[in-house]
Amino acid sequence: MTHSNHVLIEQVRDCALCTQHLPLGAKPVIQVHPKARILITGQALGRKVYETGIPY
């Protein structure tokens, strides 16, 4: 993974745009494979995902 990919991932993880609208605050959940050509990011969908950072 390139340096710019690492920077992008950190920026997504640090995003807090929707914090005021969520009861637990914002916690973007990301899974990345070094060879992936796309990045899909979502908000933690429940307390378990919010606490573990592991989607589904």
Protein backbone atom coordinates (compact mmCIF):
# COMPACT_ATOMS: atom_id res chain seq x y z
CA MET A 1 0.00 0.00 0.00
CA THR A 2 1.25 3.45 -0.83
CA HIS A 3 1.82 6.30 1.60
CA SER A 4 -1.16 8.16 0.13
CA ASN A 5 -3.37 5.11 0.82
CA HIS A 6 -2.28 5.11 4.46
CA VAL A 7 -3.03 8.83 4.71
CA LEU A 8 -6.49 8.33 3.17
CA ILE A 9 -7.30 5.49 5.57
CA GLU A 10 -6.28 7.59 8.57
CA GLN A 11 -8.39 10.50 7.33
CA VAL A 12 -11.43 8.23 6.97
CA ARG A 13 -10.89 6.71 10.44
CA ASP A 14 -10.63 10.21 11.93
CA CYS A 15 -13.80 11.48 10.24
CA ALA A 16 -16.37 12.81 12.71
CA LEU A 17 -18.84 14.61 10.41
CA CYS A 18 -21.88 12.69 11.69
CA THR A 19 -20.91 12.56 15.40
CA GLN A 20 -23.72 14.84 16.54
CA HIS A 21 -26.32 12.60 14.87
CA LEU A 22 -25.21 9.28 16.39
CA PRO A 23 -25.82 8.10 19.97
CA LEU A 24 -22.35 6.54 20.30
CA GLY A 25 -20.50 9.07 18.16
CA ALA A 26 -18.77 8.48 14.85
CA LYS A 27 -16.53 5.46 14.32
CA PRO A 28 -15.94 4.64 10.65
CA VAL A 29 -15.20 0.94 10.13
CA ILE A 30 -12.66 0.04 7.45
CA GLN A 31 -11.27 -3.23 6.14
CA VAL A 32 -8.53 -2.88 3.55
CA HIS A 33 -6.63 -5.39 1.47
CA PRO A 34 -3.34 -4.09 0.04
CA LYS A 35 -4.31 -5.22 -3.47
CA ALA A 36 -7.86 -3.79 -3.36
CA ARG A 37 -8.75 -1.33 -6.09
CA ILE A 38 -11.66 0.20 -4.20
CA LEU A 39 -12.31 1.16 -0.58
CA ILE A 40 -15.74 0.72 0.99
CA THR A 41 -16.27 2.47 4.31
CA GLY A 42 -19.25 2.49 6.62
CA GLN A 43 -20.34 3.69 10.03
CA ALA A 44 -20.34 1.18 12.91
CA LEU A 45 -23.81 -0.34 12.78
CA GLY A 46 -24.27 -1.25 16.41
CA ARG A 47 -22.64 -1.36 19.82
CA LYS A 48 -20.65 -4.56 19.08
CA VAL A 49 -19.22 -3.16 15.83
CA TYR A 50 -18.60 0.18 17.53
CA GLU A 51 -16.65 -1.50 20.36
CA THR A 52 -14.69 -4.02 18.26
CA GLY A 53 -14.27 -2.18 14.97
CA ILE A 54 -15.09 -5.45 13.19
CA PRO A 55 -18.01 -5.17 10.76
CA TYR A 56 -20.83 -7.72 10.83
